[in-house]
């Protein structure tokens, strides 16, 4: 760690632009050293130089394509062996929005790899060390699309629903360890993820698009307030809590010894 930054090191994936770059900026200003992970080495180095000069943080870069197993392994190695790492921001992701029929299955496979496999493996790599050290955080960038069951959102929304579920379960498993887990569910945010996704930003109503700086600042405010799930655009936290309570109310009846009466009635009638 640098002499001025004592909070440890934050490793941020997808750090060269957009949400990842803003997280890197904010965490450096909060007193973290950084490891920036992305595919574009030139952009990583440019951002690293800027943040180091402006904040005094020690900023390292790690070029990696997280759709490639070998590159994920490089990042896993750092997370396991660098005991200064205290925060993991699983931000890298991609979006394909459109009907499943006719979609490029290779692209969808890469999306599943990047949005599901990579963050799972990286959290798996870092969690034991954080728990052993008794502090730290895993921040997973999901999406409000995880809550939207609608045409054109089968894979992207599905990957983000996975990441939300994964985060909520991991939070429970790490309870009492001193390790925080937060899932962030941004709405439409002005980043490059829309380019070539199948839906362009200019096609969306201006009133639903949040600027990336505001989104990240809200997510970090949610983290400071102790939230495990942060939805930056949601006016009333009670709305989310009602959804959680409704799901809890379902639990006792989701698995029972006998089928529900309505299904037995249908069988008799048949």
C-alpha atoms as a PDB file:
ATOM      1  CA  UNK A   1       0.000   0.000   0.000  1.00  0.00           C
ATOM      2  CA  UNK A   2       1.025   3.637  -0.430  1.00  0.00           C
ATOM      3  CA  UNK A   3       2.073   5.598   2.613  1.00  0.00           C
ATOM      4  CA  UNK A   4      -1.059   7.748   2.494  1.00  0.00           C
ATOM      5  CA  UNK A   5      -3.689   5.081   1.880  1.00  0.00           C
ATOM      6  CA  UNK A   6      -4.354   2.801   4.833  1.00  0.00           C
ATOM      7  CA  UNK A   7      -7.666   1.202   3.982  1.00  0.00           C
ATOM      8  CA  UNK A   8      -6.149  -1.460   1.813  1.00  0.00           C
ATOM      9  CA  UNK A   9      -6.563  -2.079  -1.889  1.00  0.00           C
ATOM     10  CA  UNK A  10      -9.728  -2.093  -3.971  1.00  0.00           C
ATOM     11  CA  UNK A  11      -9.717  -4.296  -7.060  1.00  0.00           C
ATOM     12  CA  UNK A  12     -12.185  -3.009  -9.653  1.00  0.00           C
ATOM     13  CA  UNK A  13     -13.099  -4.942 -12.796  1.00  0.00           C
ATOM     14  CA  UNK A  14     -14.237  -3.190 -15.942  1.00  0.00           C
ATOM     15  CA  UNK A  15     -12.294  -0.236 -14.606  1.00  0.00           C
ATOM     16  CA  UNK A  16     -11.202   1.514 -17.796  1.00  0.00           C
ATOM     17  CA  UNK A  17     -14.471   3.415 -18.413  1.00  0.00           C
ATOM     18  CA  UNK A  18     -17.949   4.090 -17.086  1.00  0.00           C
ATOM     19  CA  UNK A  19     -19.070   2.754 -13.727  1.00  0.00           C
ATOM     20  CA  UNK A  20     -15.763   1.002 -13.022  1.00  0.00           C
ATOM     21  CA  UNK A  21     -13.695   4.117 -13.681  1.00  0.00           C
ATOM     22  CA  UNK A  22     -15.894   6.208 -11.384  1.00  0.00           C
ATOM     23  CA  UNK A  23     -15.714   3.575  -8.643  1.00  0.00           C
ATOM     24  CA  UNK A  24     -11.925   3.656  -8.975  1.00  0.00           C
ATOM     25  CA  UNK A  25     -11.924   7.430  -8.640  1.00  0.00           C
ATOM     26  CA  UNK A  26     -14.215   7.464  -5.617  1.00  0.00           C
ATOM     27  CA  UNK A  27     -12.441   4.645  -3.801  1.00  0.00           C
ATOM     28  CA  UNK A  28      -9.039   6.264  -4.336  1.00  0.00           C
ATOM     29  CA  UNK A  29     -10.412   9.480  -2.844  1.00  0.00           C
ATOM     30  CA  UNK A  30     -11.753   7.476   0.096  1.00  0.00           C
ATOM     31  CA  UNK A  31      -8.266   6.235   0.893  1.00  0.00           C
ATOM     32  CA  UNK A  32      -7.849   2.983  -1.019  1.00  0.00           C
ATOM     33  CA  UNK A  33      -5.030   1.892  -3.245  1.00  0.00           C
ATOM     34  CA  UNK A  34      -6.246   0.349  -6.479  1.00  0.00           C
ATOM     35  CA  UNK A  35      -5.854  -2.575  -8.837  1.00  0.00           C
ATOM     36  CA  UNK A  36      -7.621  -1.725 -12.082  1.00  0.00           C
ATOM     37  CA  UNK A  37      -8.713  -4.642 -14.282  1.00  0.00           C
ATOM     38  CA  UNK A  38      -9.933  -4.341 -17.881  1.00  0.00           C
ATOM     39  CA  UNK A  39      -9.084  -5.411 -21.423  1.00  0.00           C
ATOM     40  CA  UNK A  40      -7.807  -2.038 -22.660  1.00  0.00           C
ATOM     41  CA  UNK A  41      -4.313  -1.562 -21.248  1.00  0.00           C
ATOM     42  CA  UNK A  42      -3.878   1.927 -22.704  1.00  0.00           C
ATOM     43  CA  UNK A  43      -7.024   3.222 -21.012  1.00  0.00           C
ATOM     44  CA  UNK A  44      -6.068   1.505 -17.762  1.00  0.00           C
ATOM     45  CA  UNK A  45      -2.666   3.159 -17.731  1.00  0.00           C
ATOM     46  CA  UNK A  46      -4.155   6.554 -18.540  1.00  0.00           C
ATOM     47  CA  UNK A  47      -6.634   6.290 -15.674  1.00  0.00           C
ATOM     48  CA  UNK A  48      -4.002   4.916 -13.296  1.00  0.00           C
ATOM     49  CA  UNK A  49      -1.679   7.836 -13.984  1.00  0.00           C
ATOM     50  CA  UNK A  50      -4.486  10.348 -13.453  1.00  0.00           C
ATOM     51  CA  UNK A  51      -5.750   8.846 -10.202  1.00  0.00           C
ATOM     52  CA  UNK A  52      -2.281   8.384  -8.774  1.00  0.00           C
ATOM     53  CA  UNK A  53      -1.428  12.022  -9.465  1.00  0.00           C
ATOM     54  CA  UNK A  54      -4.703  13.353  -8.076  1.00  0.00           C
ATOM     55  CA  UNK A  55      -5.063  11.172  -4.977  1.00  0.00           C
ATOM     56  CA  UNK A  56      -1.617   9.849  -4.075  1.00  0.00           C
ATOM     57  CA  UNK A  57      -2.953   6.309  -4.238  1.00  0.00           C
ATOM     58  CA  UNK A  58      -0.823   3.444  -5.443  1.00  0.00           C
ATOM     59  CA  UNK A  59      -2.565   2.315  -8.618  1.00  0.00           C
ATOM     60  CA  UNK A  60      -1.698  -0.915 -10.375  1.00  0.00           C
ATOM     61  CA  UNK A  61      -3.181  -2.227 -13.598  1.00  0.00           C
ATOM     62  CA  UNK A  62      -3.950  -5.767 -14.681  1.00  0.00           C
ATOM     63  CA  UNK A  63      -4.960  -6.377 -18.272  1.00  0.00           C
ATOM     64  CA  UNK A  64      -7.478  -9.203 -18.437  1.00  0.00           C
ATOM     65  CA  UNK A  65     -10.377 -10.333 -20.573  1.00  0.00           C
ATOM     66  CA  UNK A  66     -12.798 -11.896 -18.104  1.00  0.00           C
ATOM     67  CA  UNK A  67     -14.482 -13.975 -20.783  1.00  0.00           C
ATOM     68  CA  UNK A  68     -11.228 -15.981 -20.957  1.00  0.00           C
ATOM     69  CA  UNK A  69     -10.598 -18.609 -18.267  1.00  0.00           C
ATOM     70  CA  UNK A  70      -6.866 -17.991 -18.182  1.00  0.00           C
ATOM     71  CA  UNK A  71      -7.342 -14.276 -17.622  1.00  0.00           C
ATOM     72  CA  UNK A  72      -9.852 -14.891 -14.839  1.00  0.00           C
ATOM     73  CA  UNK A  73      -7.232 -17.133 -13.242  1.00  0.00           C
ATOM     74  CA  UNK A  74      -4.723 -14.251 -13.292  1.00  0.00           C
ATOM     75  CA  UNK A  75      -7.110 -12.066 -11.337  1.00  0.00           C
ATOM     76  CA  UNK A  76      -8.004 -14.907  -8.964  1.00  0.00           C
ATOM     77  CA  UNK A  77      -4.322 -15.328  -8.165  1.00  0.00           C
ATOM     78  CA  UNK A  78      -4.013 -11.673  -7.183  1.00  0.00           C
ATOM     79  CA  UNK A  79      -7.125 -11.858  -5.012  1.00  0.00           C
ATOM     80  CA  UNK A  80      -5.841 -14.926  -3.196  1.00  0.00           C
ATOM     81  CA  UNK A  81      -2.243 -13.807  -2.724  1.00  0.00           C
ATOM     82  CA  UNK A  82      -2.391 -10.034  -2.228  1.00  0.00           C
ATOM     83  CA  UNK A  83      -3.436  -9.620   1.390  1.00  0.00           C
ATOM     84  CA  UNK A  84      -3.790  -5.868   0.980  1.00  0.00           C
ATOM     85  CA  UNK A  85      -6.984  -6.396  -1.036  1.00  0.00           C
ATOM     86  CA  UNK A  86      -9.928  -5.340   1.103  1.00  0.00           C
ATOM     87  CA  UNK A  87     -12.573  -4.515  -1.524  1.00  0.00           C
ATOM     88  CA  UNK A  88     -13.631  -6.300  -4.699  1.00  0.00           C
ATOM     89  CA  UNK A  89     -15.901  -4.436  -7.118  1.00  0.00           C
ATOM     90  CA  UNK A  90     -17.328  -6.908  -9.629  1.00  0.00           C
ATOM     91  CA  UNK A  91     -18.335  -4.374 -12.257  1.00  0.00           C
ATOM     92  CA  UNK A  92     -17.284  -5.815 -15.632  1.00  0.00           C
ATOM     93  CA  UNK A  93     -20.290  -6.798 -17.682  1.00  0.00           C
ATOM     94  CA  UNK A  94     -21.967  -6.656 -21.055  1.00  0.00           C
ATOM     95  CA  UNK A  95     -25.541  -6.499 -22.323  1.00  0.00           C
ATOM     96  CA  UNK A  96     -27.382  -8.111 -25.224  1.00  0.00           C
ATOM     97  CA  UNK A  97     -30.963  -6.896 -25.468  1.00  0.00           C
ATOM     98  CA  UNK A  98     -33.243  -8.548 -28.004  1.00  0.00           C
ATOM     99  CA  UNK A  99     -35.204 -11.736 -28.679  1.00  0.00           C
ATOM    100  CA  UNK A 100     -33.475 -15.022 -27.931  1.00  0.00           C
ATOM    101  CA  UNK A 101     -34.624 -16.432 -31.267  1.00  0.00           C
ATOM    102  CA  UNK A 102     -32.085 -15.276 -33.810  1.00  0.00           C
ATOM    103  CA  UNK A 103     -29.555 -14.077 -31.241  1.00  0.00           C
ATOM    104  CA  UNK A 104     -25.829 -14.784 -31.591  1.00  0.00           C
ATOM    105  CA  UNK A 105     -25.394 -17.696 -29.183  1.00  0.00           C
ATOM    106  CA  UNK A 106     -21.646 -17.178 -29.051  1.00  0.00           C
ATOM    107  CA  UNK A 107     -22.153 -13.620 -27.862  1.00  0.00           C
ATOM    108  CA  UNK A 108     -24.673 -14.785 -25.278  1.00  0.00           C
ATOM    109  CA  UNK A 109     -22.191 -17.386 -24.031  1.00  0.00           C
ATOM    110  CA  UNK A 110     -19.594 -14.663 -23.552  1.00  0.00           C
ATOM    111  CA  UNK A 111     -22.159 -12.567 -21.703  1.00  0.00           C
ATOM    112  CA  UNK A 112     -22.916 -15.403 -19.309  1.00  0.00           C
ATOM    113  CA  UNK A 113     -19.193 -15.908 -18.775  1.00  0.00           C
ATOM    114  CA  UNK A 114     -18.583 -12.238 -18.029  1.00  0.00           C
ATOM    115  CA  UNK A 115     -21.728 -11.471 -16.029  1.00  0.00           C
ATOM    116  CA  UNK A 116     -21.980 -14.720 -14.035  1.00  0.00           C
ATOM    117  CA  UNK A 117     -18.905 -16.931 -14.153  1.00  0.00           C
ATOM    118  CA  UNK A 118     -16.287 -14.223 -13.669  1.00  0.00           C
ATOM    119  CA  UNK A 119     -17.845 -12.484 -10.646  1.00  0.00           C
ATOM    120  CA  UNK A 120     -18.580 -15.842  -9.033  1.00  0.00           C
ATOM    121  CA  UNK A 121     -15.005 -17.003  -9.419  1.00  0.00           C
ATOM    122  CA  UNK A 122     -13.541 -13.704  -8.247  1.00  0.00           C
ATOM    123  CA  UNK A 123     -15.779 -13.574  -5.167  1.00  0.00           C
ATOM    124  CA  UNK A 124     -14.838 -17.192  -4.449  1.00  0.00           C
ATOM    125  CA  UNK A 125     -11.157 -16.254  -4.689  1.00  0.00           C
ATOM    126  CA  UNK A 126     -11.288 -13.210  -2.418  1.00  0.00           C
ATOM    127  CA  UNK A 127     -13.873 -14.182   0.216  1.00  0.00           C
ATOM    128  CA  UNK A 128     -11.743 -16.609   2.285  1.00  0.00           C
ATOM    129  CA  UNK A 129      -8.957 -14.069   2.723  1.00  0.00           C
ATOM    130  CA  UNK A 130     -11.338 -11.253   3.609  1.00  0.00           C
ATOM    131  CA  UNK A 131     -13.089 -13.457   6.153  1.00  0.00           C
ATOM    132  CA  UNK A 132      -9.775 -14.578   7.651  1.00  0.00           C
ATOM    133  CA  UNK A 133      -8.693 -10.945   8.000  1.00  0.00           C
ATOM    134  CA  UNK A 134     -12.065 -10.036   9.482  1.00  0.00           C
ATOM    135  CA  UNK A 135     -12.935  -7.117   7.237  1.00  0.00           C
ATOM    136  CA  UNK A 136     -13.578  -6.066   3.670  1.00  0.00           C
ATOM    137  CA  UNK A 137     -16.322  -5.877   1.087  1.00  0.00           C
ATOM    138  CA  UNK A 138     -17.560  -7.460  -2.118  1.00  0.00           C
ATOM    139  CA  UNK A 139     -19.636  -5.115  -4.288  1.00  0.00           C
ATOM    140  CA  UNK A 140     -21.481  -6.709  -7.202  1.00  0.00           C
ATOM    141  CA  UNK A 141     -22.949  -4.488  -9.912  1.00  0.00           C
ATOM    142  CA  UNK A 142     -26.229  -6.102 -10.942  1.00  0.00           C
ATOM    143  CA  UNK A 143     -29.106  -4.222 -12.625  1.00  0.00           C
ATOM    144  CA  UNK A 144     -32.769  -3.309 -12.240  1.00  0.00           C
ATOM    145  CA  UNK A 145     -33.204  -5.479 -15.340  1.00  0.00           C
ATOM    146  CA  UNK A 146     -32.982  -8.395 -12.899  1.00  0.00           C
ATOM    147  CA  UNK A 147     -36.518  -7.427 -11.847  1.00  0.00           C
ATOM    148  CA  UNK A 148     -37.966  -6.977 -15.342  1.00  0.00           C
ATOM    149  CA  UNK A 149     -39.524 -10.055 -16.937  1.00  0.00           C
ATOM    150  CA  UNK A 150     -40.044  -8.754 -20.457  1.00  0.00           C
ATOM    151  CA  UNK A 151     -39.212  -9.643 -24.058  1.00  0.00           C
ATOM    152  CA  UNK A 152     -35.639  -8.982 -25.111  1.00  0.00           C
ATOM    153  CA  UNK A 153     -34.278  -9.425 -21.594  1.00  0.00           C
ATOM    154  CA  UNK A 154     -33.966 -13.203 -21.273  1.00  0.00           C
ATOM    155  CA  UNK A 155     -30.208 -13.468 -20.903  1.00  0.00           C
ATOM    156  CA  UNK A 156     -29.040 -10.065 -19.644  1.00  0.00           C
ATOM    157  CA  UNK A 157     -31.773  -9.831 -17.006  1.00  0.00           C
ATOM    158  CA  UNK A 158     -31.198 -13.475 -16.140  1.00  0.00           C
ATOM    159  CA  UNK A 159     -27.490 -12.922 -15.522  1.00  0.00           C
ATOM    160  CA  UNK A 160     -28.212  -9.937 -13.308  1.00  0.00           C
ATOM    161  CA  UNK A 161     -30.906 -11.849 -11.404  1.00  0.00           C
ATOM    162  CA  UNK A 162     -28.265 -14.494 -10.726  1.00  0.00           C
ATOM    163  CA  UNK A 163     -25.821 -11.871  -9.454  1.00  0.00           C
ATOM    164  CA  UNK A 164     -28.431 -10.407  -7.120  1.00  0.00           C
ATOM    165  CA  UNK A 165     -29.347 -13.833  -5.717  1.00  0.00           C
ATOM    166  CA  UNK A 166     -25.673 -14.753  -5.407  1.00  0.00           C
ATOM    167  CA  UNK A 167     -24.971 -11.547  -3.477  1.00  0.00           C
ATOM    168  CA  UNK A 168     -27.871 -12.014  -1.078  1.00  0.00           C
ATOM    169  CA  UNK A 169     -26.888 -15.586  -0.267  1.00  0.00           C
ATOM    170  CA  UNK A 170     -23.198 -14.700   0.063  1.00  0.00           C
ATOM    171  CA  UNK A 171     -24.115 -11.928   2.477  1.00  0.00           C
ATOM    172  CA  UNK A 172     -25.843 -14.480   4.694  1.00  0.00           C
ATOM    173  CA  UNK A 173     -22.963 -16.923   4.474  1.00  0.00           C
ATOM    174  CA  UNK A 174     -20.439 -14.238   5.475  1.00  0.00           C
ATOM    175  CA  UNK A 175     -22.572 -12.819   8.274  1.00  0.00           C
ATOM    176  CA  UNK A 176     -20.469 -12.275  11.382  1.00  0.00           C
ATOM    177  CA  UNK A 177     -17.180 -12.423   9.479  1.00  0.00           C
ATOM    178  CA  UNK A 178     -16.761  -8.656   9.181  1.00  0.00           C
ATOM    179  CA  UNK A 179     -17.118  -8.867   5.379  1.00  0.00           C
ATOM    180  CA  UNK A 180     -19.812  -6.765   3.709  1.00  0.00           C
ATOM    181  CA  UNK A 181     -21.617  -7.836   0.525  1.00  0.00           C
ATOM    182  CA  UNK A 182     -23.574  -5.294  -1.502  1.00  0.00           C
ATOM    183  CA  UNK A 183     -25.525  -5.720  -4.716  1.00  0.00           C
ATOM    184  CA  UNK A 184     -26.072  -2.536  -6.704  1.00  0.00           C
ATOM    185  CA  UNK A 185     -29.002  -2.395  -9.120  1.00  0.00           C
ATOM    186  CA  UNK A 186     -28.547   0.577 -11.445  1.00  0.00           C
ATOM    187  CA  UNK A 187     -31.247   1.599 -13.854  1.00  0.00           C
ATOM    188  CA  UNK A 188     -30.373   2.984 -17.268  1.00  0.00           C
ATOM    189  CA  UNK A 189     -26.995   4.664 -16.804  1.00  0.00           C
ATOM    190  CA  UNK A 190     -25.043   6.673 -19.344  1.00  0.00           C
ATOM    191  CA  UNK A 191     -22.213   4.228 -20.099  1.00  0.00           C
ATOM    192  CA  UNK A 192     -20.748   2.408 -23.084  1.00  0.00           C
ATOM    193  CA  UNK A 193     -22.603  -0.821 -22.241  1.00  0.00           C
ATOM    194  CA  UNK A 194     -25.461   0.298 -24.487  1.00  0.00           C
ATOM    195  CA  UNK A 195     -23.287   0.522 -27.591  1.00  0.00           C
ATOM    196  CA  UNK A 196     -24.249  -2.406 -29.806  1.00  0.00           C
ATOM    197  CA  UNK A 197     -26.479  -3.935 -27.121  1.00  0.00           C
ATOM    198  CA  UNK A 198     -29.566  -3.875 -29.289  1.00  0.00           C
ATOM    199  CA  UNK A 199     -31.003  -0.835 -27.495  1.00  0.00           C
ATOM    200  CA  UNK A 200     -29.250   2.514 -27.815  1.00  0.00           C
ATOM    201  CA  UNK A 201     -29.446   5.261 -25.187  1.00  0.00           C
ATOM    202  CA  UNK A 202     -31.062   7.708 -27.594  1.00  0.00           C
ATOM    203  CA  UNK A 203     -34.010   5.310 -27.864  1.00  0.00           C
ATOM    204  CA  UNK A 204     -34.780   5.664 -24.153  1.00  0.00           C
ATOM    205  CA  UNK A 205     -36.700   8.480 -22.438  1.00  0.00           C
ATOM    206  CA  UNK A 206     -34.239  11.047 -21.102  1.00  0.00           C
ATOM    207  CA  UNK A 207     -35.965  11.042 -17.704  1.00  0.00           C
ATOM    208  CA  UNK A 208     -34.911   7.442 -16.964  1.00  0.00           C
ATOM    209  CA  UNK A 209     -31.188   7.849 -17.755  1.00  0.00           C
ATOM    210  CA  UNK A 210     -28.888   8.553 -14.802  1.00  0.00           C
ATOM    211  CA  UNK A 211     -25.400   9.995 -15.146  1.00  0.00           C
ATOM    212  CA  UNK A 212     -22.708   7.578 -14.059  1.00  0.00           C
ATOM    213  CA  UNK A 213     -21.180   9.813 -11.376  1.00  0.00           C
ATOM    214  CA  UNK A 214     -24.530  10.218  -9.656  1.00  0.00           C
ATOM    215  CA  UNK A 215     -25.199   6.490  -9.848  1.00  0.00           C
ATOM    216  CA  UNK A 216     -21.899   5.505  -8.231  1.00  0.00           C
ATOM    217  CA  UNK A 217     -22.161   8.198  -5.564  1.00  0.00           C
ATOM    218  CA  UNK A 218     -25.639   6.926  -4.674  1.00  0.00           C
ATOM    219  CA  UNK A 219     -24.383   3.326  -4.583  1.00  0.00           C
ATOM    220  CA  UNK A 220     -21.591   4.280  -2.207  1.00  0.00           C
ATOM    221  CA  UNK A 221     -24.038   6.245  -0.055  1.00  0.00           C
ATOM    222  CA  UNK A 222     -26.115   3.083   0.146  1.00  0.00           C
ATOM    223  CA  UNK A 223     -23.022   1.147   1.156  1.00  0.00           C
ATOM    224  CA  UNK A 224     -22.272   3.718   3.876  1.00  0.00           C
ATOM    225  CA  UNK A 225     -25.842   3.321   5.142  1.00  0.00           C
ATOM    226  CA  UNK A 226     -25.333  -0.426   5.495  1.00  0.00           C
ATOM    227  CA  UNK A 227     -27.552  -1.520   2.612  1.00  0.00           C
ATOM    228  CA  UNK A 228     -27.041  -4.985   1.194  1.00  0.00           C
ATOM    229  CA  UNK A 229     -29.092  -4.103  -1.900  1.00  0.00           C
ATOM    230  CA  UNK A 230     -28.931  -0.585  -3.302  1.00  0.00           C
ATOM    231  CA  UNK A 231     -31.218   0.659  -6.074  1.00  0.00           C
ATOM    232  CA  UNK A 232     -30.000   4.209  -6.756  1.00  0.00           C
ATOM    233  CA  UNK A 233     -33.179   5.406  -8.490  1.00  0.00           C
ATOM    234  CA  UNK A 234     -35.722   3.876  -6.075  1.00  0.00           C
ATOM    235  CA  UNK A 235     -37.418   6.676  -4.074  1.00  0.00           C
ATOM    236  CA  UNK A 236     -38.786   4.503  -1.258  1.00  0.00           C
ATOM    237  CA  UNK A 237     -36.695   1.722   0.269  1.00  0.00           C
ATOM    238  CA  UNK A 238     -39.939   0.331   1.730  1.00  0.00           C
ATOM    239  CA  UNK A 239     -41.003  -0.727  -1.776  1.00  0.00           C
ATOM    240  CA  UNK A 240     -38.060  -3.128  -1.998  1.00  0.00           C
ATOM    241  CA  UNK A 241     -38.665  -4.331   1.548  1.00  0.00           C
ATOM    242  CA  UNK A 242     -42.243  -5.267   0.647  1.00  0.00           C
ATOM    243  CA  UNK A 243     -40.925  -7.404  -2.199  1.00  0.00           C
ATOM    244  CA  UNK A 244     -38.564  -9.190   0.190  1.00  0.00           C
ATOM    245  CA  UNK A 245     -41.371  -9.759   2.688  1.00  0.00           C
ATOM    246  CA  UNK A 246     -43.659 -11.158  -0.026  1.00  0.00           C
ATOM    247  CA  UNK A 247     -40.963 -13.619  -1.038  1.00  0.00           C
ATOM    248  CA  UNK A 248     -40.469 -14.680   2.581  1.00  0.00           C
ATOM    249  CA  UNK A 249     -44.209 -15.251   2.909  1.00  0.00           C
ATOM    250  CA  UNK A 250     -44.062 -17.723   0.007  1.00  0.00           C
ATOM    251  CA  UNK A 251     -41.415 -19.910   1.618  1.00  0.00           C
ATOM    252  CA  UNK A 252     -43.582 -22.160   3.814  1.00  0.00           C
ATOM    253  CA  UNK A 253     -45.687 -23.218   0.832  1.00  0.00           C
ATOM    254  CA  UNK A 254     -43.073 -23.621  -1.879  1.00  0.00           C
ATOM    255  CA  UNK A 255     -42.188 -27.202  -0.968  1.00  0.00           C
ATOM    256  CA  UNK A 256     -44.734 -29.516   0.649  1.00  0.00           C
ATOM    257  CA  UNK A 257     -45.421 -33.238   0.878  1.00  0.00           C
ATOM    258  CA  UNK A 258     -48.490 -33.097  -1.374  1.00  0.00           C
ATOM    259  CA  UNK A 259     -49.484 -31.161  -4.451  1.00  0.00           C
ATOM    260  CA  UNK A 260     -51.799 -28.178  -4.081  1.00  0.00           C
ATOM    261  CA  UNK A 261     -55.507 -28.976  -4.112  1.00  0.00           C
ATOM    262  CA  UNK A 262     -56.103 -27.124  -7.376  1.00  0.00           C
ATOM    263  CA  UNK A 263     -53.824 -29.578  -9.194  1.00  0.00           C
ATOM    264  CA  UNK A 264     -55.542 -32.574  -7.667  1.00  0.00           C
ATOM    265  CA  UNK A 265     -58.916 -31.187  -8.692  1.00  0.00           C
ATOM    266  CA  UNK A 266     -57.688 -30.789 -12.251  1.00  0.00           C
ATOM    267  CA  UNK A 267     -56.523 -34.407 -12.286  1.00  0.00           C
ATOM    268  CA  UNK A 268     -59.875 -35.692 -11.044  1.00  0.00           C
ATOM    269  CA  UNK A 269     -61.754 -33.651 -13.635  1.00  0.00           C
ATOM    270  CA  UNK A 270     -59.522 -34.993 -16.413  1.00  0.00           C
END
